[in-house]
PDB file of N, CA and C in Angstrom:
ATOM      1  N   MET A   1       0.843  -1.177   0.000  1.00  0.00           N
ATOM      2  CA  MET A   1       0.000   0.000   0.000  1.00  0.00           C
ATOM      3  C   MET A   1       0.893   1.247   0.000  1.00  0.00           C
ATOM      4  N   THR A   2       0.605   2.153  -0.910  1.00  0.00           N
ATOM      5  CA  THR A   2       1.362   3.403  -0.944  1.00  0.00           C
ATOM      6  C   THR A   2       0.696   4.434  -0.035  1.00  0.00           C
ATOM      7  N   ARG A   3       1.535   5.324   0.499  1.00  0.00           N
ATOM      8  CA  ARG A   3       1.030   6.372   1.396  1.00  0.00           C
ATOM      9  C   ARG A   3       1.739   7.677   1.109  1.00  0.00           C
ATOM     10  N   PRO A   4       1.035   8.807   1.196  1.00  0.00           N
ATOM     11  CA  PRO A   4       1.700  10.091   1.005  1.00  0.00           C
ATOM     12  C   PRO A   4       2.623  10.406   2.181  1.00  0.00           C
ATOM     13  N   VAL A   5       3.739  11.031   1.853  1.00  0.00           N
ATOM     14  CA  VAL A   5       4.722  11.385   2.875  1.00  0.00           C
ATOM     15  C   VAL A   5       5.302  12.764   2.585  1.00  0.00           C
ATOM     16  N   ILE A   6       5.920  13.326   3.590  1.00  0.00           N
ATOM     17  CA  ILE A   6       6.777  14.491   3.430  1.00  0.00           C
ATOM     18  C   ILE A   6       8.151  14.056   3.915  1.00  0.00           C
ATOM     19  N   VAL A   7       9.161  14.274   3.079  1.00  0.00           N
ATOM     20  CA  VAL A   7      10.527  13.903   3.420  1.00  0.00           C
ATOM     21  C   VAL A   7      11.282  15.184   3.762  1.00  0.00           C
ATOM     22  N   HIS A   8      11.831  15.228   4.975  1.00  0.00           N
ATOM     23  CA  HIS A   8      12.545  16.406   5.466  1.00  0.00           C
ATOM     24  C   HIS A   8      14.036  16.232   5.192  1.00  0.00           C
ATOM     25  N   LEU A   9      14.510  16.922   4.162  1.00  0.00           N
ATOM     26  CA  LEU A   9      15.912  16.877   3.789  1.00  0.00           C
ATOM     27  C   LEU A   9      16.640  18.049   4.448  1.00  0.00           C
ATOM     28  N   LYS A  10      17.922  18.230   4.167  1.00  0.00           N
ATOM     29  CA  LYS A  10      18.723  19.258   4.847  1.00  0.00           C
ATOM     30  C   LYS A  10      18.060  20.630   4.843  1.00  0.00           C
ATOM     31  N   ASP A  11      17.740  21.147   3.668  1.00  0.00           N
ATOM     32  CA  ASP A  11      17.238  22.517   3.596  1.00  0.00           C
ATOM     33  C   ASP A  11      15.859  22.635   2.947  1.00  0.00           C
ATOM     34  N   VAL A  12      15.209  21.511   2.684  1.00  0.00           N
ATOM     35  CA  VAL A  12      13.910  21.537   2.016  1.00  0.00           C
ATOM     36  C   VAL A  12      13.097  20.311   2.427  1.00  0.00           C
ATOM     37  N   SER A  13      11.788  20.448   2.379  1.00  0.00           N
ATOM     38  CA  SER A  13      10.896  19.310   2.587  1.00  0.00           C
ATOM     39  C   SER A  13      10.187  19.042   1.265  1.00  0.00           C
ATOM     40  N   ARG A  14      10.125  17.750   0.875  1.00  0.00           N
ATOM     41  CA  ARG A  14       9.521  17.378  -0.408  1.00  0.00           C
ATOM     42  C   ARG A  14       8.388  16.396  -0.186  1.00  0.00           C
ATOM     43  N   LYS A  15       7.345  16.530  -1.016  1.00  0.00           N
ATOM     44  CA  LYS A  15       6.232  15.591  -0.987  1.00  0.00           C
ATOM     45  C   LYS A  15       6.561  14.390  -1.859  1.00  0.00           C
ATOM     46  N   GLY A  16       6.087  13.224  -1.446  1.00  0.00           N
ATOM     47  CA  GLY A  16       6.297  12.021  -2.218  1.00  0.00           C
ATOM     48  C   GLY A  16       5.315  10.947  -1.796  1.00  0.00           C
ATOM     49  N   ILE A  17       5.500   9.774  -2.389  1.00  0.00           N
ATOM     50  CA  ILE A  17       4.671   8.608  -2.078  1.00  0.00           C
ATOM     51  C   ILE A  17       5.584   7.505  -1.562  1.00  0.00           C
ATOM     52  N   PHE A  18       5.268   6.983  -0.387  1.00  0.00           N
ATOM     53  CA  PHE A  18       6.010   5.865   0.200  1.00  0.00           C
ATOM     54  C   PHE A  18       5.554   4.579  -0.464  1.00  0.00           C
ATOM     55  N   HIS A  19       6.503   3.729  -0.868  1.00  0.00           N
ATOM     56  CA  HIS A  19       6.173   2.437  -1.459  1.00  0.00           C
ATOM     57  C   HIS A  19       6.436   1.281  -0.499  1.00  0.00           C
ATOM     58  N   GLU A  20       7.634   1.214   0.064  1.00  0.00           N
ATOM     59  CA  GLU A  20       7.959   0.155   1.019  1.00  0.00           C
ATOM     60  C   GLU A  20       9.290   0.453   1.681  1.00  0.00           C
ATOM     61  N   PHE A  21       9.615  -0.373   2.685  1.00  0.00           N
ATOM     62  CA  PHE A  21      10.909  -0.256   3.347  1.00  0.00           C
ATOM     63  C   PHE A  21      11.916  -1.135   2.621  1.00  0.00           C
ATOM     64  N   GLY A  22      13.177  -0.767   2.717  1.00  0.00           N
ATOM     65  CA  GLY A  22      14.261  -1.534   2.126  1.00  0.00           C
ATOM     66  C   GLY A  22      15.475  -1.463   3.034  1.00  0.00           C
ATOM     67  N   VAL A  23      16.598  -1.962   2.554  1.00  0.00           N
ATOM     68  CA  VAL A  23      17.846  -1.960   3.317  1.00  0.00           C
ATOM     69  C   VAL A  23      18.953  -1.410   2.436  1.00  0.00           C
ATOM     70  N   ASP A  24      19.785  -0.561   3.007  1.00  0.00           N
ATOM     71  CA  ASP A  24      20.966  -0.053   2.326  1.00  0.00           C
ATOM     72  C   ASP A  24      22.168  -0.347   3.224  1.00  0.00           C
ATOM     73  N   PHE A  25      23.360  -0.075   2.734  1.00  0.00           N
ATOM     74  CA  PHE A  25      24.546  -0.344   3.547  1.00  0.00           C
ATOM     75  C   PHE A  25      25.568   0.751   3.342  1.00  0.00           C
ATOM     76  N   GLU A  26      26.482   0.803   4.285  1.00  0.00           N
ATOM     77  CA  GLU A  26      27.596   1.748   4.229  1.00  0.00           C
ATOM     78  C   GLU A  26      28.841   0.996   4.665  1.00  0.00           C
ATOM     79  N   GLU A  27      29.904   1.131   3.869  1.00  0.00           N
ATOM     80  CA  GLU A  27      31.158   0.482   4.243  1.00  0.00           C
ATOM     81  C   GLU A  27      31.858   1.330   5.294  1.00  0.00           C
ATOM     82  N   LEU A  28      32.172   0.695   6.409  1.00  0.00           N
ATOM     83  CA  LEU A  28      32.834   1.363   7.518  1.00  0.00           C
ATOM     84  C   LEU A  28      34.246   0.823   7.657  1.00  0.00           C
ATOM     85  N   THR A  29      35.046   1.433   8.488  1.00  0.00           N
ATOM     86  CA  THR A  29      36.423   0.973   8.646  1.00  0.00           C
ATOM     87  C   THR A  29      36.513  -0.428   9.233  1.00  0.00           C
ATOM     88  N   ASP A  30      35.522  -0.814  10.033  1.00  0.00           N
ATOM     89  CA  ASP A  30      35.561  -2.145  10.645  1.00  0.00           C
ATOM     90  C   ASP A  30      34.508  -3.096  10.075  1.00  0.00           C
ATOM     91  N   GLY A  31      34.010  -2.830   8.874  1.00  0.00           N
ATOM     92  CA  GLY A  31      33.043  -3.724   8.244  1.00  0.00           C
ATOM     93  C   GLY A  31      31.939  -2.947   7.546  1.00  0.00           C
ATOM     94  N   VAL A  32      30.819  -3.622   7.369  1.00  0.00           N
ATOM     95  CA  VAL A  32      29.687  -3.040   6.679  1.00  0.00           C
ATOM     96  C   VAL A  32      28.568  -2.780   7.677  1.00  0.00           C
ATOM     97  N   GLY A  33      27.937  -1.617   7.567  1.00  0.00           N
ATOM     98  CA  GLY A  33      26.806  -1.289   8.422  1.00  0.00           C
ATOM     99  C   GLY A  33      25.528  -1.234   7.593  1.00  0.00           C
ATOM    100  N   ASN A  34      24.518  -1.989   7.986  1.00  0.00           N
ATOM    101  CA  ASN A  34      23.221  -1.990   7.299  1.00  0.00           C
ATOM    102  C   ASN A  34      22.260  -1.052   8.015  1.00  0.00           C
ATOM    103  N   TYR A  35      21.377  -0.413   7.250  1.00  0.00           N
ATOM    104  CA  TYR A  35      20.349   0.421   7.851  1.00  0.00           C
ATOM    105  C   TYR A  35      19.085   0.406   6.984  1.00  0.00           C
ATOM    106  N   THR A  36      17.960   0.693   7.610  1.00  0.00           N
ATOM    107  CA  THR A  36      16.669   0.664   6.939  1.00  0.00           C
ATOM    108  C   THR A  36      16.439   1.969   6.191  1.00  0.00           C
ATOM    109  N   ILE A  37      15.865   1.846   4.986  1.00  0.00           N
ATOM    110  CA  ILE A  37      15.497   3.007   4.192  1.00  0.00           C
ATOM    111  C   ILE A  37      14.023   2.916   3.818  1.00  0.00           C
ATOM    112  N   ALA A  38      13.461   4.041   3.429  1.00  0.00           N
ATOM    113  CA  ALA A  38      12.113   4.080   2.872  1.00  0.00           C
ATOM    114  C   ALA A  38      12.257   4.345   1.378  1.00  0.00           C
ATOM    115  N   ILE A  39      11.548   3.582   0.565  1.00  0.00           N
ATOM    116  CA  ILE A  39      11.575   3.794  -0.880  1.00  0.00           C
ATOM    117  C   ILE A  39      10.464   4.781  -1.214  1.00  0.00           C
ATOM    118  N   ILE A  40      10.872   5.942  -1.726  1.00  0.00           N
ATOM    119  CA  ILE A  40       9.968   7.057  -1.973  1.00  0.00           C
ATOM    120  C   ILE A  40       9.903   7.345  -3.467  1.00  0.00           C
ATOM    121  N   GLU A  41       8.690   7.587  -3.955  1.00  0.00           N
ATOM    122  CA  GLU A  41       8.502   8.055  -5.325  1.00  0.00           C
ATOM    123  C   GLU A  41       8.218   9.549  -5.260  1.00  0.00           C
ATOM    124  N   TRP A  42       9.080  10.342  -5.899  1.00  0.00           N
ATOM    125  CA  TRP A  42       8.894  11.787  -5.927  1.00  0.00           C
ATOM    126  C   TRP A  42       7.812  12.160  -6.929  1.00  0.00           C
ATOM    127  N   GLU A  43       7.368  13.394  -6.898  1.00  0.00           N
ATOM    128  CA  GLU A  43       6.292  13.852  -7.772  1.00  0.00           C
ATOM    129  C   GLU A  43       6.643  13.728  -9.255  1.00  0.00           C
ATOM    130  N   ASP A  44       7.939  13.710  -9.588  1.00  0.00           N
ATOM    131  CA  ASP A  44       8.350  13.569 -10.995  1.00  0.00           C
ATOM    132  C   ASP A  44       8.514  12.105 -11.410  1.00  0.00           C
ATOM    133  N   GLY A  45       8.169  11.167 -10.513  1.00  0.00           N
ATOM    134  CA  GLY A  45       8.210   9.743 -10.843  1.00  0.00           C
ATOM    135  C   GLY A  45       9.511   9.041 -10.504  1.00  0.00           C
ATOM    136  N   ILE A  46      10.522   9.755 -10.065  1.00  0.00           N
ATOM    137  CA  ILE A  46      11.810   9.150  -9.715  1.00  0.00           C
ATOM    138  C   ILE A  46      11.708   8.484  -8.354  1.00  0.00           C
ATOM    139  N   LEU A  47      12.272   7.285  -8.235  1.00  0.00           N
ATOM    140  CA  LEU A  47      12.324   6.559  -6.961  1.00  0.00           C
ATOM    141  C   LEU A  47      13.657   6.818  -6.287  1.00  0.00           C
ATOM    142  N   GLU A  48      13.609   6.906  -4.952  1.00  0.00           N
ATOM    143  CA  GLU A  48      14.842   7.121  -4.182  1.00  0.00           C
ATOM    144  C   GLU A  48      14.697   6.481  -2.807  1.00  0.00           C
ATOM    145  N   GLY A  49      15.779   5.917  -2.317  1.00  0.00           N
ATOM    146  CA  GLY A  49      15.806   5.398  -0.955  1.00  0.00           C
ATOM    147  C   GLY A  49      16.290   6.479  -0.011  1.00  0.00           C
ATOM    148  N   VAL A  50      15.523   6.746   1.045  1.00  0.00           N
ATOM    149  CA  VAL A  50      15.914   7.771   2.015  1.00  0.00           C
ATOM    150  C   VAL A  50      15.895   7.172   3.417  1.00  0.00           C
ATOM    151  N   PRO A  51      16.727   7.684   4.319  1.00  0.00           N
ATOM    152  CA  PRO A  51      16.718   7.181   5.700  1.00  0.00           C
ATOM    153  C   PRO A  51      15.328   7.368   6.330  1.00  0.00           C
ATOM    154  N   VAL A  52      14.887   6.379   7.078  1.00  0.00           N
ATOM    155  CA  VAL A  52      13.529   6.402   7.624  1.00  0.00           C
ATOM    156  C   VAL A  52      13.292   7.566   8.580  1.00  0.00           C
ATOM    157  N   HIS A  53      14.318   8.053   9.255  1.00  0.00           N
ATOM    158  CA  HIS A  53      14.101   9.147  10.204  1.00  0.00           C
ATOM    159  C   HIS A  53      13.802  10.478   9.503  1.00  0.00           C
ATOM    160  N   LYS A  54      13.905  10.528   8.193  1.00  0.00           N
ATOM    161  CA  LYS A  54      13.601  11.738   7.424  1.00  0.00           C
ATOM    162  C   LYS A  54      12.156  11.756   6.912  1.00  0.00           C
ATOM    163  N   VAL A  55      11.408  10.653   7.106  1.00  0.00           N
ATOM    164  CA  VAL A  55      10.083  10.488   6.505  1.00  0.00           C
ATOM    165  C   VAL A  55       8.977  10.773   7.518  1.00  0.00           C
ATOM    166  N   GLN A  56       8.000  11.563   7.088  1.00  0.00           N
ATOM    167  CA  GLN A  56       6.814  11.838   7.897  1.00  0.00           C
ATOM    168  C   GLN A  56       5.591  11.393   7.100  1.00  0.00           C
ATOM    169  N   PHE A  57       4.861  10.407   7.621  1.00  0.00           N
ATOM    170  CA  PHE A  57       3.629   9.964   6.979  1.00  0.00           C
ATOM    171  C   PHE A  57       2.540  10.986   7.242  1.00  0.00           C
ATOM    172  N   VAL A  58       1.750  11.294   6.222  1.00  0.00           N
ATOM    173  CA  VAL A  58       0.671  12.273   6.354  1.00  0.00           C
ATOM    174  C   VAL A  58      -0.613  11.696   5.769  1.00  0.00           C
ATOM    175  N   THR A  59      -1.732  12.282   6.152  1.00  0.00           N
ATOM    176  CA  THR A  59      -3.004  11.864   5.569  1.00  0.00           C
ATOM    177  C   THR A  59      -3.108  12.452   4.166  1.00  0.00           C
ATOM    178  N   PRO A  60      -3.823  11.805   3.266  1.00  0.00           N
ATOM    179  CA  PRO A  60      -3.946  12.330   1.895  1.00  0.00           C
ATOM    180  C   PRO A  60      -4.480  13.762   1.858  1.00  0.00           C
ATOM    181  N   THR A  61      -5.367  14.127   2.767  1.00  0.00           N
ATOM    182  CA  THR A  61      -5.918  15.485   2.758  1.00  0.00           C
ATOM    183  C   THR A  61      -4.862  16.513   3.121  1.00  0.00           C
ATOM    184  N   THR A  62      -3.875  16.154   3.952  1.00  0.00           N
ATOM    185  CA  THR A  62      -2.798  17.079   4.320  1.00  0.00           C
ATOM    186  C   THR A  62      -1.936  17.391   3.100  1.00  0.00           C
ATOM    187  N   VAL A  63      -1.588  16.377   2.328  1.00  0.00           N
ATOM    188  CA  VAL A  63      -0.745  16.568   1.150  1.00  0.00           C
ATOM    189  C   VAL A  63      -1.512  17.359   0.098  1.00  0.00           C
ATOM    190  N   GLU A  64      -2.770  17.022  -0.145  1.00  0.00           N
ATOM    191  CA  GLU A  64      -3.556  17.707  -1.160  1.00  0.00           C
ATOM    192  C   GLU A  64      -3.746  19.182  -0.791  1.00  0.00           C
ATOM    193  N   ALA A  65      -3.888  19.510   0.467  1.00  0.00           N
ATOM    194  CA  ALA A  65      -4.100  20.890   0.896  1.00  0.00           C
ATOM    195  C   ALA A  65      -2.873  21.750   0.627  1.00  0.00           C
ATOM    196  N   ASP A  66      -1.670  21.130   0.605  1.00  0.00           N
ATOM    197  CA  ASP A  66      -0.429  21.874   0.363  1.00  0.00           C
ATOM    198  C   ASP A  66      -0.205  22.199  -1.111  1.00  0.00           C
ATOM    199  N   ARG A  67      -0.898  21.525  -2.005  1.00  0.00           N
ATOM    200  CA  ARG A  67      -0.677  21.720  -3.454  1.00  0.00           C
ATOM    201  C   ARG A  67      -1.334  22.956  -3.973  1.00  0.00           C
TER     202      ARG A  67
END
């Protein structure tokens, strides 16, 4: 099930659609670190994985009111 979200990035907040959770990794000096991401579809159709702590789920009426 997809849900509308607002993703809070460094200097801007963007509207998108959440599709599902995934896993990404980062190579560290002592091995590999895994972390959870949210797969987001932006308004232009591009998909991107973002850290889950940046995602705010909103009701559809909240997103529509901002447009």
